[in-house]
């Protein structure tokens, strides 16, 4: 992550900005109180300044747009804020100070990922028809893709138009699971069942992800996104590579980030790592947790208790556990089909159908 230099006279605003970024793991290397002190620091620390992000405000004594433009070549990037009535026509690209830590972090991440893009205001979630649910995996082999596919199917059976998006760039699995090719041949999405469509976000779509998601959100009731593993989330949120665009969009714009974990010891360990990361990473999406493959009997009760104690600290909007059902999973994989098509009475299918009804209500 880039280091940060602040140049803001208001102690309250500077404290909020510096403290928020520090809590996210960013290093605040210098806090200028006037233009002269900022110039002295950059002149004496040229190598460090070249990799730093400068967050300045219009209230800084001695500041001007000409000076900012001149110093811009010596630092990595600049983000300006207007303080009170000190917004001047001399500054054309100042932002209002975000009202929440989440909005501030979202704004700064956007500059780090796309330094040539300059928006006037903090990106806001626009009103939309669709409910967007991103499904992420806390580790490997959690059943994240299986749950995403079947959750989308169950929502479509409730007569809700549903789009399933393959957003796992590292290990895309939906096409293989359903034995489908050329998912994007029927642009922008392929209809595979009544009220059920499928698409994949590739490098071509990644460059216009906002426009694509706006169009999808206007046409569907629900959008389910399979993100795959979300390990290393904080680094991916400031990553400029196209492979991180879907994860970043979901953290900033999705209605819900549903995190799937396994019930075994390794799964609990991976979940604890993800939760520790989320405790220091601001995301706008509301969090929920699903423990998959719960053991039967007393062992399952113990797994449930541990799962609840681990996840409740983040105040998720829902916590669920799903019992292990290897027979249903194997049958669905062999037939390249959803659970309802194989055995609508299986316990696993019933659990996911219940989750879909809860989302709908």
Protein backbone atom coordinates (compact mmCIF):
# COMPACT_ATOMS: atom_id res chain seq x y z
CA UNK A 1 0.00 0.00 0.00
CA UNK A 2 1.21 3.56 -0.69
CA UNK A 3 2.37 5.79 2.13
CA UNK A 4 0.44 8.95 2.94
CA UNK A 5 1.34 12.60 3.52
CA UNK A 6 -1.35 14.92 4.89
CA UNK A 7 -1.38 18.69 4.40
CA UNK A 8 -4.52 19.86 6.22
CA UNK A 9 -4.74 22.69 8.74
CA UNK A 10 -7.99 21.59 10.41
CA UNK A 11 -6.89 19.28 13.19
CA UNK A 12 -10.31 17.61 13.32
CA UNK A 13 -10.36 16.82 9.59
CA UNK A 14 -6.71 15.79 9.51
CA UNK A 15 -7.16 13.55 12.53
CA UNK A 16 -10.17 11.84 10.94
CA UNK A 17 -8.38 11.26 7.62
CA UNK A 18 -5.02 10.20 9.04
CA UNK A 19 -6.59 8.03 11.74
CA UNK A 20 -8.90 6.27 9.31
CA UNK A 21 -6.15 5.43 6.84
CA UNK A 22 -3.81 4.35 9.62
CA UNK A 23 -6.50 1.95 10.90
CA UNK A 24 -6.62 0.44 7.39
CA UNK A 25 -2.91 -0.35 7.53
CA UNK A 26 -1.65 2.71 5.62
CA UNK A 27 1.49 4.47 6.82
CA UNK A 28 1.10 8.22 7.43
CA UNK A 29 4.71 9.40 7.13
CA UNK A 30 4.29 13.18 7.47
CA UNK A 31 1.58 15.62 8.61
CA UNK A 32 2.22 19.14 7.27
CA UNK A 33 0.69 22.14 9.04
CA UNK A 34 1.56 24.69 6.31
CA UNK A 35 2.94 24.77 2.77
CA UNK A 36 6.51 25.54 3.85
CA UNK A 37 6.74 22.47 6.09
CA UNK A 38 5.39 20.30 3.27
CA UNK A 39 7.99 21.62 0.82
CA UNK A 40 10.81 21.06 3.32
CA UNK A 41 9.75 17.46 3.93
CA UNK A 42 9.48 16.59 0.23
CA UNK A 43 12.83 18.23 -0.55
CA UNK A 44 14.54 16.29 2.26
CA UNK A 45 12.80 12.96 1.52
CA UNK A 46 12.55 12.85 -2.26
CA UNK A 47 12.66 9.06 -2.61
CA UNK A 48 9.94 8.48 -0.01
CA UNK A 49 7.78 11.27 -1.44
CA UNK A 50 7.79 9.75 -4.93
CA UNK A 51 5.80 6.78 -3.66
CA UNK A 52 3.48 8.75 -1.39
CA UNK A 53 -0.11 9.86 -1.71
CA UNK A 54 -0.64 13.53 -0.75
CA UNK A 55 -3.98 14.37 0.86
CA UNK A 56 -4.31 18.15 1.08
CA UNK A 57 -7.04 20.64 1.93
CA UNK A 58 -7.79 24.17 0.75
CA UNK A 59 -7.35 25.49 4.31
CA UNK A 60 -3.58 24.83 4.37
CA UNK A 61 -1.72 28.15 4.85
CA UNK A 62 0.21 29.14 1.72
CA UNK A 63 -1.43 26.60 -0.61
CA UNK A 64 -2.45 27.32 -4.21
CA UNK A 65 -3.32 25.30 -7.30
CA UNK A 66 -0.11 26.41 -9.01
CA UNK A 67 1.95 25.08 -6.11
CA UNK A 68 0.05 21.78 -6.11
CA UNK A 69 0.63 21.40 -9.85
CA UNK A 70 4.32 22.15 -9.38
CA UNK A 71 4.81 19.64 -6.57
CA UNK A 72 2.75 16.97 -8.34
CA UNK A 73 5.76 15.64 -10.25
CA UNK A 74 7.56 14.90 -7.00
CA UNK A 75 4.90 12.67 -5.42
CA UNK A 76 2.82 9.73 -6.55
CA UNK A 77 -0.69 11.24 -6.46
CA UNK A 78 -2.72 14.05 -4.88
CA UNK A 79 -6.26 14.18 -3.51
CA UNK A 80 -7.67 17.55 -2.49
CA UNK A 81 -10.47 18.38 -0.06
CA UNK A 82 -12.43 21.56 0.47
CA UNK A 83 -12.82 22.80 4.03
CA UNK A 84 -15.82 24.98 4.91
CA UNK A 85 -16.18 27.98 2.60
CA UNK A 86 -12.63 27.80 1.39
CA UNK A 87 -13.50 26.08 -1.89
CA UNK A 88 -11.94 28.39 -4.47
CA UNK A 89 -12.32 28.65 -8.23
CA UNK A 90 -8.56 28.23 -8.23
CA UNK A 91 -9.16 24.61 -7.27
CA UNK A 92 -11.47 22.81 -9.70
CA UNK A 93 -11.15 19.25 -8.41
CA UNK A 94 -11.59 19.39 -4.67
CA UNK A 95 -13.73 16.81 -2.88
CA UNK A 96 -16.02 17.31 0.03
CA UNK A 97 -14.60 15.65 3.15
CA UNK A 98 -16.32 12.23 3.37
CA UNK A 99 -18.73 11.88 6.26
CA UNK A 100 -17.78 8.30 7.12
CA UNK A 101 -14.61 6.24 7.28
CA UNK A 102 -15.99 3.82 4.68
CA UNK A 103 -16.61 6.62 2.17
CA UNK A 104 -13.12 8.02 2.75
CA UNK A 105 -11.44 4.66 2.23
CA UNK A 106 -13.52 4.01 -0.90
CA UNK A 107 -12.52 7.38 -2.35
CA UNK A 108 -8.80 6.91 -1.67
CA UNK A 109 -8.81 3.35 -3.03
CA UNK A 110 -10.36 4.65 -6.24
CA UNK A 111 -7.47 7.07 -6.74
CA UNK A 112 -4.87 4.39 -6.03
CA UNK A 113 -6.45 1.97 -8.52
CA UNK A 114 -7.13 4.56 -11.24
CA UNK A 115 -4.92 7.62 -10.74
CA UNK A 116 -6.04 9.31 -13.96
CA UNK A 117 -9.69 9.28 -12.95
CA UNK A 118 -10.86 12.28 -10.99
CA UNK A 119 -14.41 12.35 -9.68
CA UNK A 120 -15.86 15.38 -7.96
CA UNK A 121 -17.58 13.49 -5.17
CA UNK A 122 -17.15 10.30 -3.23
CA UNK A 123 -18.69 7.44 -5.29
CA UNK A 124 -22.17 6.71 -4.03
CA UNK A 125 -24.37 3.67 -4.43
CA UNK A 126 -27.09 4.56 -6.89
CA UNK A 127 -30.69 3.42 -6.51
CA UNK A 128 -31.29 0.26 -8.51
CA UNK A 129 -33.81 -2.47 -9.10
CA UNK A 130 -31.56 -5.43 -8.35
CA UNK A 131 -30.30 -6.78 -5.04
CA UNK A 132 -26.62 -7.62 -5.56
CA UNK A 133 -25.08 -10.42 -3.49
CA UNK A 134 -21.40 -11.27 -3.80
CA UNK A 135 -20.39 -14.75 -2.63
CA UNK A 136 -16.77 -15.03 -1.44
CA UNK A 137 -14.78 -17.96 -0.11
CA UNK A 138 -12.81 -17.94 3.14
CA UNK A 139 -10.18 -20.39 1.94
CA UNK A 140 -10.37 -23.18 -0.62
CA UNK A 141 -12.95 -25.88 -1.30
CA UNK A 142 -15.67 -24.18 0.72
CA UNK A 143 -18.48 -24.84 -1.78
CA UNK A 144 -18.65 -21.16 -2.71
CA UNK A 145 -19.40 -21.82 -6.41
CA UNK A 146 -21.92 -24.56 -5.62
CA UNK A 147 -23.79 -22.24 -3.28
CA UNK A 148 -23.72 -19.33 -5.76
CA UNK A 149 -25.12 -21.47 -8.60
CA UNK A 150 -27.86 -23.04 -6.52
CA UNK A 151 -28.80 -19.83 -4.75
CA UNK A 152 -29.29 -18.18 -8.15
CA UNK A 153 -31.38 -21.13 -9.31
CA UNK A 154 -33.58 -21.05 -6.20
CA UNK A 155 -34.20 -17.31 -6.59
CA UNK A 156 -35.25 -17.89 -10.21
CA UNK A 157 -37.68 -20.59 -9.04
CA UNK A 158 -39.24 -17.94 -6.81
CA UNK A 159 -39.97 -16.06 -10.06
CA UNK A 160 -37.24 -13.52 -9.47
CA UNK A 161 -35.20 -12.69 -12.57
CA UNK A 162 -31.68 -13.61 -11.55
CA UNK A 163 -28.25 -13.09 -13.12
CA UNK A 164 -25.34 -15.29 -12.03
CA UNK A 165 -21.92 -13.73 -12.67
CA UNK A 166 -18.65 -15.60 -12.84
CA UNK A 167 -16.29 -13.18 -11.12
CA UNK A 168 -13.57 -15.59 -10.00
CA UNK A 169 -10.69 -14.64 -12.28
CA UNK A 170 -8.16 -16.93 -10.64
CA UNK A 171 -10.11 -20.18 -10.85
CA UNK A 172 -13.38 -19.79 -12.81
CA UNK A 173 -15.58 -22.83 -12.15
CA UNK A 174 -19.18 -22.13 -13.13
CA UNK A 175 -18.80 -23.05 -16.81
CA UNK A 176 -17.07 -26.31 -15.92
CA UNK A 177 -19.63 -27.12 -13.21
CA UNK A 178 -22.53 -26.67 -15.64
CA UNK A 179 -20.64 -28.10 -18.65
CA UNK A 180 -21.14 -24.90 -20.64
CA UNK A 181 -18.96 -23.18 -23.21
CA UNK A 182 -18.88 -19.67 -24.57
CA UNK A 183 -20.82 -18.12 -21.72
CA UNK A 184 -20.44 -14.67 -23.25
CA UNK A 185 -21.49 -15.71 -26.77
CA UNK A 186 -24.97 -14.24 -26.18
CA UNK A 187 -23.79 -10.83 -25.03
CA UNK A 188 -24.22 -9.44 -22.49
CA UNK A 189 -25.60 -12.59 -20.79
CA UNK A 190 -26.92 -16.02 -21.66
CA UNK A 191 -30.36 -17.25 -20.60
CA UNK A 192 -30.03 -20.83 -19.31
CA UNK A 193 -33.42 -21.34 -17.61
CA UNK A 194 -36.62 -19.36 -17.00
CA UNK A 195 -35.70 -16.23 -15.02
CA UNK A 196 -32.07 -17.44 -14.85
CA UNK A 197 -29.19 -15.92 -16.84
CA UNK A 198 -25.44 -16.33 -16.72
CA UNK A 199 -22.44 -14.25 -17.71
CA UNK A 200 -18.70 -13.96 -17.04
CA UNK A 201 -16.67 -10.84 -16.33
CA UNK A 202 -13.48 -11.08 -18.36
CA UNK A 203 -10.75 -8.57 -19.09
CA UNK A 204 -12.84 -6.89 -21.78
CA UNK A 205 -15.76 -6.29 -19.37
CA UNK A 206 -13.49 -5.26 -16.50
CA UNK A 207 -12.71 -1.91 -18.10
CA UNK A 208 -16.39 -0.92 -18.13
CA UNK A 209 -17.57 -2.72 -15.00
CA UNK A 210 -19.65 0.21 -13.69
CA UNK A 211 -21.62 0.56 -16.92
CA UNK A 212 -22.09 -3.21 -17.21
CA UNK A 213 -23.36 -3.57 -13.65
CA UNK A 214 -25.69 -0.57 -14.03
CA UNK A 215 -27.29 -2.25 -17.05
CA UNK A 216 -27.59 -5.60 -15.27
CA UNK A 217 -29.04 -4.00 -12.13
CA UNK A 218 -31.73 -2.33 -14.23
CA UNK A 219 -32.85 -5.61 -15.82
CA UNK A 220 -32.71 -8.19 -13.00
CA UNK A 221 -34.23 -8.59 -9.56
CA UNK A 222 -31.16 -10.36 -8.13
CA UNK A 223 -27.52 -10.55 -9.15
CA UNK A 224 -25.37 -13.29 -7.60
CA UNK A 225 -21.60 -12.93 -8.08
CA UNK A 226 -19.16 -15.77 -7.48
CA UNK A 227 -15.92 -14.08 -6.36
CA UNK A 228 -14.02 -17.19 -5.29
CA UNK A 229 -11.39 -16.72 -2.60
CA UNK A 230 -11.25 -13.31 -0.89
CA UNK A 231 -7.94 -13.92 0.90
CA UNK A 232 -5.66 -10.88 0.71
CA UNK A 233 -8.72 -8.66 0.36
CA UNK A 234 -7.12 -5.40 1.56
CA UNK A 235 -4.35 -5.65 -1.05
CA UNK A 236 -6.80 -6.44 -3.85
CA UNK A 237 -8.85 -3.35 -3.02
CA UNK A 238 -5.91 -1.11 -3.97
CA UNK A 239 -4.71 -3.33 -6.83
CA UNK A 240 -4.75 -1.68 -10.28
CA UNK A 241 -4.88 -4.96 -12.22
CA UNK A 242 -8.10 -5.86 -14.01
CA UNK A 243 -8.34 -9.09 -12.01
CA UNK A 244 -9.33 -7.10 -8.91
CA UNK A 245 -12.08 -4.96 -10.45
CA UNK A 246 -14.99 -7.28 -9.61
CA UNK A 247 -13.92 -7.76 -5.99
CA UNK A 248 -13.46 -4.03 -5.56
CA UNK A 249 -16.82 -3.23 -7.14
CA UNK A 250 -18.55 -5.73 -4.85
CA UNK A 251 -16.97 -4.36 -1.67
CA UNK A 252 -17.97 -0.81 -2.61
CA UNK A 253 -21.31 -1.38 -4.36
CA UNK A 254 -22.86 -4.78 -3.54
CA UNK A 255 -25.74 -4.99 -1.09
CA UNK A 256 -24.28 -8.05 0.64
CA UNK A 257 -20.94 -9.84 0.81
CA UNK A 258 -21.71 -13.44 1.77
CA UNK A 259 -18.61 -15.26 3.05
CA UNK A 260 -18.57 -19.06 2.85
CA UNK A 261 -16.35 -21.19 5.07
CA UNK A 262 -15.81 -24.87 5.76
CA UNK A 263 -16.74 -26.37 9.12
CA UNK A 264 -13.50 -28.28 9.71
CA UNK A 265 -10.43 -27.09 11.61
CA UNK A 266 -8.66 -25.66 8.56
CA UNK A 267 -11.85 -23.93 7.48
CA UNK A 268 -12.21 -22.32 10.91
CA UNK A 269 -8.60 -21.15 10.74
CA UNK A 270 -9.07 -19.59 7.29
CA UNK A 271 -12.29 -17.91 8.42
CA UNK A 272 -10.51 -16.40 11.44
CA UNK A 273 -7.87 -14.97 9.11
CA UNK A 274 -10.49 -13.38 6.85
CA UNK A 275 -12.38 -11.92 9.82
CA UNK A 276 -9.17 -10.42 11.21
CA UNK A 277 -8.62 -8.82 7.81
CA UNK A 278 -12.19 -7.50 7.62
CA UNK A 279 -11.88 -5.93 11.07
CA UNK A 280 -9.26 -3.57 9.65
CA UNK A 281 -10.73 -3.17 6.15
CA UNK A 282 -13.73 -0.95 5.47
CA UNK A 283 -16.26 -2.30 2.96
CA UNK A 284 -19.67 -0.84 2.13
CA UNK A 285 -21.37 -4.16 1.46
CA UNK A 286 -23.17 -5.66 4.44
CA UNK A 287 -21.54 -8.86 5.67
CA UNK A 288 -23.09 -12.29 6.13
CA UNK A 289 -21.55 -15.71 6.87
CA UNK A 290 -22.41 -19.26 5.87
CA UNK A 291 -20.64 -22.28 7.34
CA UNK A 292 -20.82 -25.12 4.83
CA UNK A 293 -20.38 -28.88 5.36
CA UNK A 294 -21.34 -28.92 9.02
CA UNK A 295 -20.79 -32.30 10.69
CA UNK A 296 -23.72 -34.26 12.16
CA UNK A 297 -24.39 -34.70 15.87
CA UNK A 298 -22.42 -33.17 18.74
CA UNK A 299 -19.46 -32.36 16.56
CA UNK A 300 -21.73 -30.21 14.41
CA UNK A 301 -23.03 -28.43 17.50
CA UNK A 302 -19.46 -27.65 18.52
CA UNK A 303 -18.68 -26.34 15.02
CA UNK A 304 -21.80 -24.15 15.15
CA UNK A 305 -20.83 -22.65 18.50
CA UNK A 306 -17.32 -21.82 17.32
CA UNK A 307 -18.65 -20.36 14.07
CA UNK A 308 -21.06 -18.09 15.92
CA UNK A 309 -18.44 -16.85 18.37
CA UNK A 310 -16.03 -16.09 15.51
CA UNK A 311 -18.45 -14.21 13.27
CA UNK A 312 -20.69 -12.22 15.63
CA UNK A 313 -17.99 -9.61 16.31
CA UNK A 314 -18.52 -8.19 12.82
CA UNK A 315 -22.29 -7.82 13.38
CA UNK A 316 -23.33 -9.62 10.17
CA UNK A 317 -26.86 -9.31 8.83
CA UNK A 318 -27.21 -13.12 8.74
CA UNK A 319 -25.34 -16.20 9.99
CA UNK A 320 -26.22 -19.65 8.65
CA UNK A 321 -24.84 -23.17 8.71
CA UNK A 322 -25.46 -25.87 6.12
CA UNK A 323 -25.07 -29.57 6.86
CA UNK A 324 -22.71 -31.75 4.85
CA UNK A 325 -24.44 -33.57 1.98
CA UNK A 326 -21.77 -35.29 -0.10
CA UNK A 327 -24.24 -37.51 -1.96
CA UNK A 328 -26.26 -34.58 -3.31
CA UNK A 329 -23.09 -32.69 -4.30
CA UNK A 330 -21.59 -35.65 -6.13
CA UNK A 331 -24.84 -36.34 -7.99
CA UNK A 332 -25.11 -32.71 -9.11
CA UNK A 333 -21.48 -32.61 -10.23
CA UNK A 334 -21.82 -35.87 -12.17
CA UNK A 335 -24.89 -34.56 -14.01
CA UNK A 336 -23.58 -30.97 -14.36
CA UNK A 337 -26.86 -29.81 -12.88
CA UNK A 338 -28.28 -27.84 -9.97
CA UNK A 339 -29.44 -29.54 -6.79
CA UNK A 340 -33.13 -29.01 -7.48
CA UNK A 341 -32.75 -30.82 -10.80
CA UNK A 342 -31.12 -33.84 -9.12
CA UNK A 343 -33.06 -34.23 -5.90
CA UNK A 344 -35.33 -31.43 -4.76
CA UNK A 345 -35.82 -33.19 -1.41
CA UNK A 346 -32.15 -33.32 -0.44
CA UNK A 347 -31.27 -31.54 2.79
CA UNK A 348 -28.69 -29.36 1.05
CA UNK A 349 -31.17 -28.20 -1.56
CA UNK A 350 -33.73 -27.42 1.15
CA UNK A 351 -31.16 -25.35 3.09
CA UNK A 352 -30.25 -23.23 0.06
CA UNK A 353 -33.92 -22.84 -0.90
CA UNK A 354 -34.61 -21.57 2.62
CA UNK A 355 -31.78 -19.06 2.29
CA UNK A 356 -33.25 -17.87 -1.04
CA UNK A 357 -36.66 -17.35 0.57
CA UNK A 358 -35.01 -15.38 3.37
CA UNK A 359 -33.28 -13.13 0.83
CA UNK A 360 -36.54 -12.58 -1.00
CA UNK A 361 -38.52 -11.60 2.10
